[in-house]
Every structure is written in structure tokens, then in C-alpha cells.
C-alpha atoms as a PDB file:
ATOM      1  CA  MET A   1     113.850  62.266 105.818  1.00  0.00           C
ATOM      2  CA  ASP A   2     115.951  59.302 104.224  1.00  0.00           C
ATOM      3  CA  LEU A   3     116.922  60.260 100.407  1.00  0.00           C
ATOM      4  CA  LEU A   4     115.074  58.483  97.454  1.00  0.00           C
ATOM      5  CA  ALA A   5     118.204  58.274  95.636  1.00  0.00           C
ATOM      6  CA  TYR A   6     121.813  59.331  96.301  1.00  0.00           C
ATOM      7  CA  ILE A   7     125.453  58.205  95.227  1.00  0.00           C
ATOM      8  CA  PRO A   8     127.128  55.398  97.771  1.00  0.00           C
ATOM      9  CA  SER A   9     130.578  56.121  98.768  1.00  0.00           C
ATOM     10  CA  PRO A  10     132.728  52.676  98.677  1.00  0.00           C
ATOM     11  CA  SER A  11     133.143  51.481 102.271  1.00  0.00           C
ATOM     12  CA  SER A  12     137.091  51.257 101.842  1.00  0.00           C
ATOM     13  CA  GLY A  13     139.245  53.101  99.525  1.00  0.00           C
ATOM     14  CA  VAL A  14     141.340  49.812  98.955  1.00  0.00           C
ATOM     15  CA  ILE A  15     141.104  46.723  97.707  1.00  0.00           C
ATOM     16  CA  TYR A  16     143.479  43.800  98.758  1.00  0.00           C
ATOM     17  CA  LEU A  17     144.955  40.998  96.237  1.00  0.00           C
ATOM     18  CA  GLY A  18     146.264  38.815  98.708  1.00  0.00           C
ATOM     19  CA  PRO A  19     149.018  40.879 100.249  1.00  0.00           C
ATOM     20  CA  VAL A  20     149.259  43.564  98.232  1.00  0.00           C
ATOM     21  CA  PRO A  21     146.694  46.349  98.690  1.00  0.00           C
ATOM     22  CA  LEU A  22     145.205  48.134  95.263  1.00  0.00           C
ATOM     23  CA  ARG A  23     144.320  51.581  96.253  1.00  0.00           C
ATOM     24  CA  GLY A  24     141.377  53.283  94.375  1.00  0.00           C
ATOM     25  CA  TYR A  25     142.774  56.286  93.765  1.00  0.00           C
ATOM     26  CA  ALA A  26     146.178  55.455  92.961  1.00  0.00           C
ATOM     27  CA  PHE A  27     144.508  53.223  90.216  1.00  0.00           C
ATOM     28  CA  CYS A  28     142.337  56.261  89.080  1.00  0.00           C
ATOM     29  CA  ILE A  29     145.452  57.915  88.469  1.00  0.00           C
ATOM     30  CA  ILE A  30     147.457  55.369  86.533  1.00  0.00           C
ATOM     31  CA  ILE A  31     144.599  55.163  84.132  1.00  0.00           C
ATOM     32  CA  GLY A  32     144.035  58.378  83.492  1.00  0.00           C
ATOM     33  CA  VAL A  33     148.053  58.827  82.539  1.00  0.00           C
ATOM     34  CA  PHE A  34     147.194  55.947  80.587  1.00  0.00           C
ATOM     35  CA  VAL A  35     144.810  57.312  78.584  1.00  0.00           C
ATOM     36  CA  ALA A  36     146.547  60.588  78.212  1.00  0.00           C
ATOM     37  CA  VAL A  37     149.554  59.145  76.609  1.00  0.00           C
ATOM     38  CA  TRP A  38     147.642  56.467  74.626  1.00  0.00           C
ATOM     39  CA  TYR A  39     145.600  59.215  72.873  1.00  0.00           C
ATOM     40  CA  GLY A  40     147.409  62.022  73.051  1.00  0.00           C
ATOM     41  CA  GLY A  41     149.934  59.590  70.825  1.00  0.00           C
ATOM     42  CA  ARG A  42     146.907  59.153  68.469  1.00  0.00           C
ATOM     43  CA  ARG A  43     146.714  62.627  67.684  1.00  0.00           C
ATOM     44  CA  TRP A  44     150.865  62.959  67.267  1.00  0.00           C
ATOM     45  CA  VAL A  45     150.633  60.569  65.232  1.00  0.00           C
ATOM     46  CA  ALA A  46     147.777  62.552  63.187  1.00  0.00           C
ATOM     47  CA  ARG A  47     150.025  65.483  63.183  1.00  0.00           C
ATOM     48  CA  GLY A  48     153.122  63.899  60.979  1.00  0.00           C
ATOM     49  CA  GLY A  49     155.159  62.601  64.594  1.00  0.00           C
ATOM     50  CA  ARG A  50     157.140  58.874  65.010  1.00  0.00           C
ATOM     51  CA  VAL A  51     155.095  56.335  66.752  1.00  0.00           C
ATOM     52  CA  GLY A  52     156.535  56.467  70.507  1.00  0.00           C
ATOM     53  CA  THR A  53     156.923  59.968  70.916  1.00  0.00           C
ATOM     54  CA  VAL A  54     154.464  60.874  72.989  1.00  0.00           C
ATOM     55  CA  ALA A  55     155.161  58.036  75.672  1.00  0.00           C
ATOM     56  CA  ASP A  56     159.147  59.044  75.472  1.00  0.00           C
ATOM     57  CA  ILE A  57     158.171  62.241  76.582  1.00  0.00           C
ATOM     58  CA  ALA A  58     155.872  61.233  79.112  1.00  0.00           C
ATOM     59  CA  VAL A  59     158.364  59.384  80.837  1.00  0.00           C
ATOM     60  CA  TRP A  60     159.927  63.013  82.117  1.00  0.00           C
ATOM     61  CA  ALA A  61     156.285  65.077  81.924  1.00  0.00           C
ATOM     62  CA  VAL A  62     154.573  62.150  84.407  1.00  0.00           C
ATOM     63  CA  PRO A  63     157.190  62.336  87.197  1.00  0.00           C
ATOM     64  CA  PHE A  64     157.769  65.840  87.207  1.00  0.00           C
ATOM     65  CA  GLY A  65     153.592  66.335  87.081  1.00  0.00           C
ATOM     66  CA  LEU A  66     153.400  63.928  90.253  1.00  0.00           C
ATOM     67  CA  VAL A  67     155.998  65.668  92.276  1.00  0.00           C
ATOM     68  CA  GLY A  68     154.546  68.992  91.266  1.00  0.00           C
ATOM     69  CA  GLY A  69     150.997  68.120  91.920  1.00  0.00           C
ATOM     70  CA  ARG A  70     152.151  67.052  95.591  1.00  0.00           C
ATOM     71  CA  LEU A  71     154.246  69.844  96.057  1.00  0.00           C
ATOM     72  CA  TYR A  72     151.468  72.325  95.253  1.00  0.00           C
ATOM     73  CA  HIS A  73     149.081  70.398  97.816  1.00  0.00           C
ATOM     74  CA  VAL A  74     151.396  69.952 100.215  1.00  0.00           C
ATOM     75  CA  ILE A  75     152.655  73.767  99.936  1.00  0.00           C
ATOM     76  CA  THR A  76     149.235  75.361 100.174  1.00  0.00           C
ATOM     77  CA  ASP A  77     147.675  72.760 102.952  1.00  0.00           C
ATOM     78  CA  TYR A  78     151.001  72.441 104.646  1.00  0.00           C
ATOM     79  CA  GLU A  79     148.726  72.560 108.157  1.00  0.00           C
ATOM     80  CA  LEU A  80     147.623  69.039 107.610  1.00  0.00           C
ATOM     81  CA  TYR A  81     151.579  67.990 107.630  1.00  0.00           C
ATOM     82  CA  PHE A  82     153.763  70.412 109.550  1.00  0.00           C
ATOM     83  CA  THR A  83     151.522  71.552 112.694  1.00  0.00           C
ATOM     84  CA  ASP A  84     151.235  70.278 116.034  1.00  0.00           C
ATOM     85  CA  GLY A  85     149.674  67.047 116.122  1.00  0.00           C
ATOM     86  CA  ARG A  86     150.658  65.837 112.728  1.00  0.00           C
ATOM     87  CA  ASP A  87     153.334  63.734 110.751  1.00  0.00           C
ATOM     88  CA  TRP A  88     155.375  65.445 108.527  1.00  0.00           C
ATOM     89  CA  VAL A  89     155.916  61.911 106.815  1.00  0.00           C
ATOM     90  CA  ASP A  90     152.515  61.872 105.832  1.00  0.00           C
ATOM     91  CA  ALA A  91     153.259  64.539 103.311  1.00  0.00           C
ATOM     92  CA  PHE A  92     154.926  61.319 101.112  1.00  0.00           C
ATOM     93  CA  LYS A  93     151.635  59.467 100.782  1.00  0.00           C
ATOM     94  CA  ILE A  94     150.405  60.390  97.971  1.00  0.00           C
ATOM     95  CA  TRP A  95     147.651  57.238  97.849  1.00  0.00           C
ATOM     96  CA  GLN A  96     146.126  59.198 100.734  1.00  0.00           C
ATOM     97  CA  GLY A  97     145.001  61.544  98.040  1.00  0.00           C
ATOM     98  CA  GLY A  98     145.799  65.264  97.659  1.00  0.00           C
ATOM     99  CA  LEU A  99     147.154  65.979  94.267  1.00  0.00           C
ATOM    100  CA  GLY A 100     147.288  69.897  92.751  1.00  0.00           C
ATOM    101  CA  ILE A 101     146.109  70.336  89.171  1.00  0.00           C
ATOM    102  CA  TRP A 102     148.043  73.748  88.750  1.00  0.00           C
ATOM    103  CA  GLY A 103     151.185  72.342  90.172  1.00  0.00           C
ATOM    104  CA  ALA A 104     150.758  68.747  88.146  1.00  0.00           C
ATOM    105  CA  ILE A 105     150.446  71.237  84.959  1.00  0.00           C
ATOM    106  CA  ALA A 106     153.687  73.267  85.886  1.00  0.00           C
ATOM    107  CA  LEU A 107     155.995  70.966  86.673  1.00  0.00           C
ATOM    108  CA  GLY A 108     154.588  68.774  83.974  1.00  0.00           C
ATOM    109  CA  ALA A 109     155.283  71.344  81.499  1.00  0.00           C
ATOM    110  CA  LEU A 110     158.911  71.350  82.233  1.00  0.00           C
ATOM    111  CA  GLY A 111     159.686  67.686  82.238  1.00  0.00           C
ATOM    112  CA  ALA A 112     157.748  67.815  78.631  1.00  0.00           C
ATOM    113  CA  TRP A 113     160.033  70.713  77.912  1.00  0.00           C
ATOM    114  CA  ILE A 114     163.092  68.479  79.076  1.00  0.00           C
ATOM    115  CA  GLY A 115     161.552  65.386  76.757  1.00  0.00           C
ATOM    116  CA  CYS A 116     161.149  67.689  73.874  1.00  0.00           C
ATOM    117  CA  ARG A 117     164.424  69.328  73.781  1.00  0.00           C
ATOM    118  CA  ARG A 118     165.916  66.270  73.809  1.00  0.00           C
ATOM    119  CA  ARG A 119     163.765  64.741  70.872  1.00  0.00           C
ATOM    120  CA  GLY A 120     164.015  68.468  68.946  1.00  0.00           C
ATOM    121  CA  ILE A 121     160.347  68.764  68.507  1.00  0.00           C
ATOM    122  CA  PRO A 122     158.896  72.148  69.590  1.00  0.00           C
ATOM    123  CA  LEU A 123     156.982  71.818  73.141  1.00  0.00           C
ATOM    124  CA  PRO A 124     153.892  73.649  71.770  1.00  0.00           C
ATOM    125  CA  ALA A 125     153.150  71.071  68.772  1.00  0.00           C
ATOM    126  CA  TYR A 126     153.160  68.490  72.136  1.00  0.00           C
ATOM    127  CA  ALA A 127     151.088  70.486  74.198  1.00  0.00           C
ATOM    128  CA  ASP A 128     148.093  70.788  71.487  1.00  0.00           C
ATOM    129  CA  ALA A 129     148.516  66.992  70.872  1.00  0.00           C
ATOM    130  CA  ILE A 130     148.029  66.209  74.700  1.00  0.00           C
ATOM    131  CA  ALA A 131     145.549  68.658  75.745  1.00  0.00           C
ATOM    132  CA  PRO A 132     142.292  66.327  75.348  1.00  0.00           C
ATOM    133  CA  GLY A 133     143.733  63.406  76.684  1.00  0.00           C
ATOM    134  CA  ILE A 134     145.093  65.386  79.581  1.00  0.00           C
ATOM    135  CA  ALA A 135     141.447  66.541  80.352  1.00  0.00           C
ATOM    136  CA  PHE A 136     140.202  62.886  79.807  1.00  0.00           C
ATOM    137  CA  ALA A 137     142.638  61.806  82.415  1.00  0.00           C
ATOM    138  CA  GLN A 138     141.288  64.621  85.157  1.00  0.00           C
ATOM    139  CA  ALA A 139     138.072  63.061  84.293  1.00  0.00           C
ATOM    140  CA  ILE A 140     139.121  59.811  85.369  1.00  0.00           C
ATOM    141  CA  GLY A 141     141.790  60.961  88.447  1.00  0.00           C
ATOM    142  CA  ARG A 142     138.741  62.587  89.814  1.00  0.00           C
ATOM    143  CA  TRP A 143     136.910  59.398  90.912  1.00  0.00           C
ATOM    144  CA  GLY A 144     139.882  58.873  93.491  1.00  0.00           C
ATOM    145  CA  ASN A 145     138.396  61.376  95.107  1.00  0.00           C
ATOM    146  CA  TRP A 146     135.245  58.906  95.346  1.00  0.00           C
ATOM    147  CA  PHE A 147     137.286  56.197  96.856  1.00  0.00           C
ATOM    148  CA  ASN A 148     138.836  58.626  99.516  1.00  0.00           C
ATOM    149  CA  GLN A 149     134.971  60.483 100.442  1.00  0.00           C
ATOM    150  CA  GLU A 150     136.913  63.390  99.814  1.00  0.00           C
ATOM    151  CA  LEU A 151     136.683  66.928  98.590  1.00  0.00           C
ATOM    152  CA  TYR A 152     132.969  67.002  98.137  1.00  0.00           C
ATOM    153  CA  GLY A 153     130.860  69.963  98.068  1.00  0.00           C
ATOM    154  CA  LYS A 154     127.711  71.643 100.353  1.00  0.00           C
ATOM    155  CA  ALA A 155     124.751  69.083 102.101  1.00  0.00           C
ATOM    156  CA  THR A 156     122.309  69.030  99.816  1.00  0.00           C
ATOM    157  CA  THR A 157     119.117  66.488  99.050  1.00  0.00           C
ATOM    158  CA  LEU A 158     119.293  66.240  95.895  1.00  0.00           C
ATOM    159  CA  PRO A 159     119.017  62.769  94.195  1.00  0.00           C
ATOM    160  CA  TRP A 160     122.602  62.704  93.021  1.00  0.00           C
ATOM    161  CA  ALA A 161     123.673  63.626  96.213  1.00  0.00           C
ATOM    162  CA  LEU A 162     127.121  61.941  97.546  1.00  0.00           C
ATOM    163  CA  LYS A 163     126.770  60.029 100.736  1.00  0.00           C
ATOM    164  CA  ILE A 164     129.633  60.407 103.098  1.00  0.00           C
ATOM    165  CA  ASP A 165     130.004  57.861 106.142  1.00  0.00           C
ATOM    166  CA  GLY A 166     131.497  59.855 109.476  1.00  0.00           C
ATOM    167  CA  ASP A 167     134.760  59.738 110.268  1.00  0.00           C
ATOM    168  CA  ALA A 168     136.330  62.097 113.013  1.00  0.00           C
ATOM    169  CA  ASP A 169     139.893  61.470 112.238  1.00  0.00           C
ATOM    170  CA  ALA A 170     139.434  62.435 108.620  1.00  0.00           C
ATOM    171  CA  GLY A 171     136.921  65.564 110.083  1.00  0.00           C
ATOM    172  CA  ARG A 172     133.917  63.633 107.438  1.00  0.00           C
ATOM    173  CA  VAL A 173     130.260  64.362 108.945  1.00  0.00           C
ATOM    174  CA  ALA A 174     128.027  61.633 108.126  1.00  0.00           C
ATOM    175  CA  GLY A 175     125.496  62.971 105.655  1.00  0.00           C
ATOM    176  CA  THR A 176     124.705  63.783 102.267  1.00  0.00           C
ATOM    177  CA  TYR A 177     126.797  66.175  99.802  1.00  0.00           C
ATOM    178  CA  HIS A 178     127.053  67.583  96.430  1.00  0.00           C
ATOM    179  CA  PRO A 179     129.599  65.098  94.186  1.00  0.00           C
ATOM    180  CA  THR A 180     131.915  67.942  93.275  1.00  0.00           C
ATOM    181  CA  PHE A 181     134.267  65.234  92.051  1.00  0.00           C
ATOM    182  CA  LEU A 182     131.548  64.197  89.880  1.00  0.00           C
ATOM    183  CA  TYR A 183     130.964  67.730  88.506  1.00  0.00           C
ATOM    184  CA  GLU A 184     134.344  68.409  87.720  1.00  0.00           C
ATOM    185  CA  SER A 185     135.022  64.980  86.093  1.00  0.00           C
ATOM    186  CA  LEU A 186     131.834  65.692  83.627  1.00  0.00           C
ATOM    187  CA  TRP A 187     133.136  69.450  82.920  1.00  0.00           C
ATOM    188  CA  CYS A 188     136.545  67.700  82.329  1.00  0.00           C
ATOM    189  CA  VAL A 189     134.951  65.467  79.914  1.00  0.00           C
ATOM    190  CA  GLY A 190     133.078  68.274  78.025  1.00  0.00           C
ATOM    191  CA  VAL A 191     136.614  70.638  78.157  1.00  0.00           C
ATOM    192  CA  ALA A 192     137.966  67.413  75.780  1.00  0.00           C
ATOM    193  CA  LEU A 193     135.221  67.274  73.765  1.00  0.00           C
ATOM    194  CA  LEU A 194     135.513  71.339  72.860  1.00  0.00           C
ATOM    195  CA  VAL A 195     139.292  71.086  72.238  1.00  0.00           C
ATOM    196  CA  ILE A 196     139.143  67.967  70.498  1.00  0.00           C
ATOM    197  CA  TRP A 197     136.065  70.466  68.021  1.00  0.00           C
ATOM    198  CA  ALA A 198     137.911  73.544  68.148  1.00  0.00           C
ATOM    199  CA  ASP A 199     141.224  71.839  66.521  1.00  0.00           C
ATOM    200  CA  ARG A 200     139.650  70.104  64.023  1.00  0.00           C
ATOM    201  CA  ARG A 201     137.515  73.386  63.293  1.00  0.00           C
ATOM    202  CA  PHE A 202     140.133  75.875  63.862  1.00  0.00           C
ATOM    203  CA  LYS A 203     143.369  73.690  62.835  1.00  0.00           C
ATOM    204  CA  LEU A 204     144.815  75.238  66.381  1.00  0.00           C
ATOM    205  CA  GLY A 205     148.427  74.911  66.581  1.00  0.00           C
ATOM    206  CA  HIS A 206     151.400  76.235  68.297  1.00  0.00           C
ATOM    207  CA  GLY A 207     150.161  75.879  71.681  1.00  0.00           C
ATOM    208  CA  ARG A 208     146.486  76.682  71.343  1.00  0.00           C
ATOM    209  CA  ALA A 209     144.613  74.060  71.670  1.00  0.00           C
ATOM    210  CA  PHE A 210     146.692  73.489  75.250  1.00  0.00           C
ATOM    211  CA  ALA A 211     145.200  77.069  76.329  1.00  0.00           C
ATOM    212  CA  LEU A 212     142.046  76.103  75.076  1.00  0.00           C
ATOM    213  CA  TYR A 213     142.040  73.408  77.483  1.00  0.00           C
ATOM    214  CA  VAL A 214     143.474  75.371  80.053  1.00  0.00           C
ATOM    215  CA  ALA A 215     140.958  78.580  79.840  1.00  0.00           C
ATOM    216  CA  ALA A 216     138.040  76.276  79.664  1.00  0.00           C
ATOM    217  CA  TYR A 217     138.978  74.090  82.711  1.00  0.00           C
ATOM    218  CA  THR A 218     139.660  76.929  84.736  1.00  0.00           C
ATOM    219  CA  VAL A 219     135.795  78.118  84.084  1.00  0.00           C
ATOM    220  CA  GLY A 220     134.582  75.070  85.528  1.00  0.00           C
ATOM    221  CA  ARG A 221     137.016  74.699  88.153  1.00  0.00           C
ATOM    222  CA  PHE A 222     136.069  78.667  89.404  1.00  0.00           C
ATOM    223  CA  TRP A 223     132.353  77.400  90.128  1.00  0.00           C
ATOM    224  CA  ILE A 224     133.051  74.266  91.498  1.00  0.00           C
ATOM    225  CA  GLU A 225     134.931  75.349  94.571  1.00  0.00           C
ATOM    226  CA  TYR A 226     132.139  77.589  95.366  1.00  0.00           C
ATOM    227  CA  LEU A 227     130.429  74.267  96.629  1.00  0.00           C
ATOM    228  CA  ARG A 228     133.564  72.469  98.217  1.00  0.00           C
ATOM    229  CA  VAL A 229     133.370  72.504 101.842  1.00  0.00           C
ATOM    230  CA  ASP A 230     136.864  71.397 102.213  1.00  0.00           C
ATOM    231  CA  ASP A 231     139.598  73.470 104.867  1.00  0.00           C
ATOM    232  CA  ALA A 232     140.981  75.733 102.130  1.00  0.00           C
ATOM    233  CA  HIS A 233     143.168  79.161 102.516  1.00  0.00           C
ATOM    234  CA  HIS A 234     141.197  82.593 101.463  1.00  0.00           C
ATOM    235  CA  VAL A 235     142.177  85.672  99.804  1.00  0.00           C
ATOM    236  CA  LEU A 236     139.705  88.673 100.080  1.00  0.00           C
ATOM    237  CA  GLY A 237     137.028  86.427 100.775  1.00  0.00           C
ATOM    238  CA  LEU A 238     137.735  83.752  98.116  1.00  0.00           C
ATOM    239  CA  ARG A 239     139.402  80.367  98.035  1.00  0.00           C
ATOM    240  CA  LEU A 240     142.819  80.273  96.820  1.00  0.00           C
ATOM    241  CA  ASN A 241     141.864  77.759  93.845  1.00  0.00           C
ATOM    242  CA  ASN A 242     139.518  80.575  92.685  1.00  0.00           C
ATOM    243  CA  TRP A 243     142.222  83.161  92.594  1.00  0.00           C
ATOM    244  CA  THR A 244     144.270  81.052  90.681  1.00  0.00           C
ATOM    245  CA  SER A 245     141.692  80.004  88.461  1.00  0.00           C
ATOM    246  CA  VAL A 246     141.204  83.907  87.762  1.00  0.00           C
ATOM    247  CA  VAL A 247     144.929  84.169  87.000  1.00  0.00           C
ATOM    248  CA  VAL A 248     145.599  80.770  84.703  1.00  0.00           C
ATOM    249  CA  PHE A 249     142.225  82.127  82.680  1.00  0.00           C
ATOM    250  CA  LEU A 250     143.600  85.222  82.200  1.00  0.00           C
ATOM    251  CA  ALA A 251     147.077  83.893  80.861  1.00  0.00           C
ATOM    252  CA  ALA A 252     145.533  81.306  78.842  1.00  0.00           C
ATOM    253  CA  VAL A 253     143.288  83.872  77.222  1.00  0.00           C
ATOM    254  CA  ALA A 254     145.879  86.274  76.469  1.00  0.00           C
ATOM    255  CA  TYR A 255     148.394  83.301  75.293  1.00  0.00           C
ATOM    256  CA  LEU A 256     145.497  82.260  72.627  1.00  0.00           C
ATOM    257  CA  VAL A 257     145.401  86.276  71.507  1.00  0.00           C
ATOM    258  CA  ILE A 258     149.217  86.628  71.050  1.00  0.00           C
ATOM    259  CA  SER A 259     149.959  83.245  69.678  1.00  0.00           C
ATOM    260  CA  ALA A 260     147.174  83.898  66.962  1.00  0.00           C
ATOM    261  CA  LYS A 261     148.288  87.013  65.742  1.00  0.00           C
ATOM    262  CA  ARG A 262     152.294  85.868  65.622  1.00  0.00           C
ATOM    263  CA  SER A 263     151.846  82.605  64.431  1.00  0.00           C
ATOM    264  CA  PRO A 264     148.436  81.974  62.699  1.00  0.00           C
ATOM    265  CA  GLY A 265     147.668  78.423  61.384  1.00  0.00           C
ATOM    266  CA  ARG A 266     149.192  75.526  62.343  1.00  0.00           C
ATOM    267  CA  GLU A 267     152.909  73.975  62.171  1.00  0.00           C
ATOM    268  CA  GLU A 268     153.762  71.798  58.759  1.00  0.00           C
ATOM    269  CA  VAL A 269     156.065  69.926  60.476  1.00  0.00           C
ATOM    270  CA  VAL A 270     155.951  69.022  64.272  1.00  0.00           C
ATOM    271  CA  GLU A 271     158.780  66.432  64.434  1.00  0.00           C
ATOM    272  CA  PRO A 272     161.640  66.957  61.342  1.00  0.00           C
ATOM    273  CA  ALA A 273     162.763  63.308  62.433  1.00  0.00           C
ATOM    274  CA  ALA A 274     159.640  61.564  60.898  1.00  0.00           C
ATOM    275  CA  LEU A 275     160.476  62.891  57.509  1.00  0.00           C
ATOM    276  CA  GLU A 276     163.513  61.043  57.453  1.00  0.00           C
ATOM    277  CA  ASP A 277     161.703  58.104  57.733  1.00  0.00           C
ATOM    278  CA  GLY A 278     159.807  59.010  54.825  1.00  0.00           C
ATOM    279  CA  ALA A 279     156.336  60.075  56.315  1.00  0.00           C
ATOM    280  CA  ALA A 280     154.611  63.095  54.587  1.00  0.00           C
ATOM    281  CA  PRO A 281     153.724  66.000  57.152  1.00  0.00           C
ATOM    282  CA  ALA A 282     150.149  65.779  57.983  1.00  0.00           C
ATOM    283  CA  THR A 283     147.500  68.077  56.236  1.00  0.00           C
ATOM    284  CA  GLY A 284     144.371  66.617  57.239  1.00  0.00           C
ATOM    285  CA  THR A 285     141.616  68.616  59.239  1.00  0.00           C
ATOM    286  CA  SER A 286     140.362  66.138  61.321  1.00  0.00           C
ATOM    287  CA  GLY A 287     143.193  66.105  63.451  1.00  0.00           C
ATOM    288  CA  ASP A 288     143.169  62.744  65.235  1.00  0.00           C
ATOM    289  CA  ALA A 289     143.516  60.109  62.511  1.00  0.00           C
ATOM    290  CA  PRO A 290     147.221  59.472  61.291  1.00  0.00           C
ATOM    291  CA  ALA A 291     147.819  61.299  57.835  1.00  0.00           C
ATOM    292  CA  GLY A 292     148.233  58.785  55.083  1.00  0.00           C
ATOM    293  CA  SER A 293     150.900  58.532  52.117  1.00  0.00           C
ATOM    294  CA  ALA A 294     150.245  59.300  48.453  1.00  0.00           C
ATOM    295  CA  ALA A 295     150.349  55.510  47.593  1.00  0.00           C
ATOM    296  CA  LYS A 296     147.679  54.488  50.395  1.00  0.00           C
ATOM    297  CA  SER A 297     145.655  58.239  49.243  1.00  0.00           C
ATOM    298  CA  GLY A 298     145.902  57.339  45.548  1.00  0.00           C
ATOM    299  CA  GLY A 299     147.356  60.670  45.314  1.00  0.00           C
ATOM    300  CA  THR A 300     149.716  61.017  42.359  1.00  0.00           C
ATOM    301  CA  PRO A 301     153.894  62.142  43.824  1.00  0.00           C
ATOM    302  CA  ALA A 302     152.778  66.178  42.292  1.00  0.00           C
ATOM    303  CA  GLU A 303     149.845  66.178  44.513  1.00  0.00           C
ATOM    304  CA  SER A 304     150.837  64.318  47.952  1.00  0.00           C
ATOM    305  CA  GLY A 305     154.857  66.004  47.660  1.00  0.00           C
ATOM    306  CA  GLY A 306     156.554  62.849  46.550  1.00  0.00           C
ATOM    307  CA  ALA A 307     159.275  60.965  48.637  1.00  0.00           C
ATOM    308  CA  ASP A 308     161.647  62.863  46.921  1.00  0.00           C
ATOM    309  CA  GLU A 309     160.124  66.595  47.866  1.00  0.00           C
ATOM    310  CA  ALA A 310     159.719  65.097  51.561  1.00  0.00           C
ATOM    311  CA  GLY A 311     163.411  64.279  51.492  1.00  0.00           C
ATOM    312  CA  ALA A 312     164.039  67.717  50.654  1.00  0.00           C
ATOM    313  CA  VAL A 313     161.997  68.868  53.241  1.00  0.00           C
ATOM    314  CA  ALA A 314     163.602  66.744  56.088  1.00  0.00           C
ATOM    315  CA  ALA A 315     166.816  67.843  54.858  1.00  0.00           C
ATOM    316  CA  GLU A 316     166.573  71.521  55.656  1.00  0.00           C
ATOM    317  CA  ALA A 317     164.185  71.433  58.087  1.00  0.00           C
ATOM    318  CA  GLU A 318     165.753  72.238  61.316  1.00  0.00           C
ATOM    319  CA  PRO A 319     164.061  71.699  64.791  1.00  0.00           C
ATOM    320  CA  THR A 320     161.418  74.371  65.880  1.00  0.00           C
ATOM    321  CA  LYS A 321     162.539  76.645  69.067  1.00  0.00           C
ATOM    322  CA  ASN A 322     160.713  76.774  71.815  1.00  0.00           C
ATOM    323  CA  PRO A 323     158.633  80.568  72.174  1.00  0.00           C
END
């Protein structure tokens, strides 16, 4: 029976601008990265950091993240590239899809750590600033799977079912399926909003906003994995990504608890170099609005700390060591 409503799939994942191919998957990834850096930069400045710091560190984090995401995918789905009848060169064709978020976050964190060390700032504070932006980036990036007609769920006749075109070469059977890309995209938006709210409400610091993002994301990824029908390795009856979600969730929760006991509150200074420019440490509660100076807020030198006090803090402040 024909469905009265469904989500159509694009007939092609590539749009040609003359001889130049514009691939939907790559376009979604690029837009997601832009949003993450832009919003992370706003949050960093609101915490008292310099304009441009997030983008400078992203120069390290983004390439590392892309390599890590691709490595995780190729390693966990090696049979797609290194078995009989497969071409190992396809492992480098990232535009065809295949980025594992676990590898992207892990190696991206290494790149961010390198960038933070070069700037003399604490990695946990940087991670807190970009956490909701990463979730928004994931929400946008998942639409790349829609362009490629991949990673859909079980067959369904729900009004929001995703229509998939048959393709024997890609292993696709025509039909309507759960749009798991859409489920995860919406979940990631919810995770981003949760982190923003919690950060404003509880003034999360020392990496706890990032840990909350990780924990909340893994909860959604766990149940979404149950709906997916793409080939995957199974361990004790569960997909590999389910086990990864469980392990990462427990690690994130443990970090939240331990960090809250060892380092309560939020960092007073996230980028000591910013104080040398005359900026006062951010003390606002919103977490997303740039911290104002005494002159802008109308406060007195005593209330705002004054330029002399800020200069003294800058002289005594040392780069916070990474935990």
C-alpha cells in the first residue's frame, strides 16, 4: 500500500557547479564545522577568552578529528575496503560517507590539546566552550547521510518514514525505513540545548559541560543504534557502537562526579593572555554573552576590579595545566 506521506531521498548526492562537484555529505560536514567554531568562539569570549582563539585551535582540532573519524570507520568496517572484490583506495574517499564520531572526538581532542598547549590555555575550558557547538555540528552533519541514502533504520510505514531507492551495488533495497539520521539530528539539537541550559544554570567548568554533552549524546546513540539495519560488528548480541556508547557514557559520568569533587565551580581565568589586553575575567551567568568591562556596565573600579587589579591578575596568572 502506498504511503500517504514520507520523507523523500535526493536522487543524487552531488550537485555540479559547472565541472565542480558539490557533494552533499561534504557540504553538511563543512557547515557543521563552521557552526561549531562560530558558536564555540562566542562562548569562549563570554568566558573571558580572546576573539579568534577557538578558530586558531580548530585549525589543529578539525583535521585531527576528520582523520580520527575516518580511521574509526575504516577500522571497524574494514571488510568494506580490504576484502576480496573491494578496492582499498575507497578507504580514502571520505566524501562517500563514513566518519565515526568516536574516532573524531578522540583524535580531535588530541589536536585541540596541541592547539591549547601552544596557546597556554586549559583544554577542559576549551572543551566546555565548544561542547554545544559540536552537538549542533553533528546535527547538521547527519543530513549528509540523507544525501547518501545511508544509515537508515528498520522498515516502517510511519508518516515520517524515509523513502530509499533501490541500488544493488550499494546494497540498498527500495522501501521506506526509519530515518535514523533525522532521529540523531534532532537528538543532537536537544543535547546542545541541554548543555547550554545546564551551563547557565550550574556554571559548569573544568570540562564538565563537555562531559555532559558526551553522556547525553551516548544515551541517544544507544537507542538509535537499535533501529539501524546497516551491517555492523556484534559483541555479545549488541552492535559495537552500542558497547562503545555504554563505555563512553560511564567514563563521562565518572568524570562529572570526580571533577565536581576535585575542582568545584568554574575557572576564573580561561586565557591569561586575554587579561594582558585589559579584559576582566568573565563573571556573568549566561555563559554565552561577552563579558563587559566596568566602563560598559557602569560599575565603579571597586565593583569591577579595576584596570589595575586586572593587570595584577595578568602578571601573576600562569597557564593552567591540563589535568
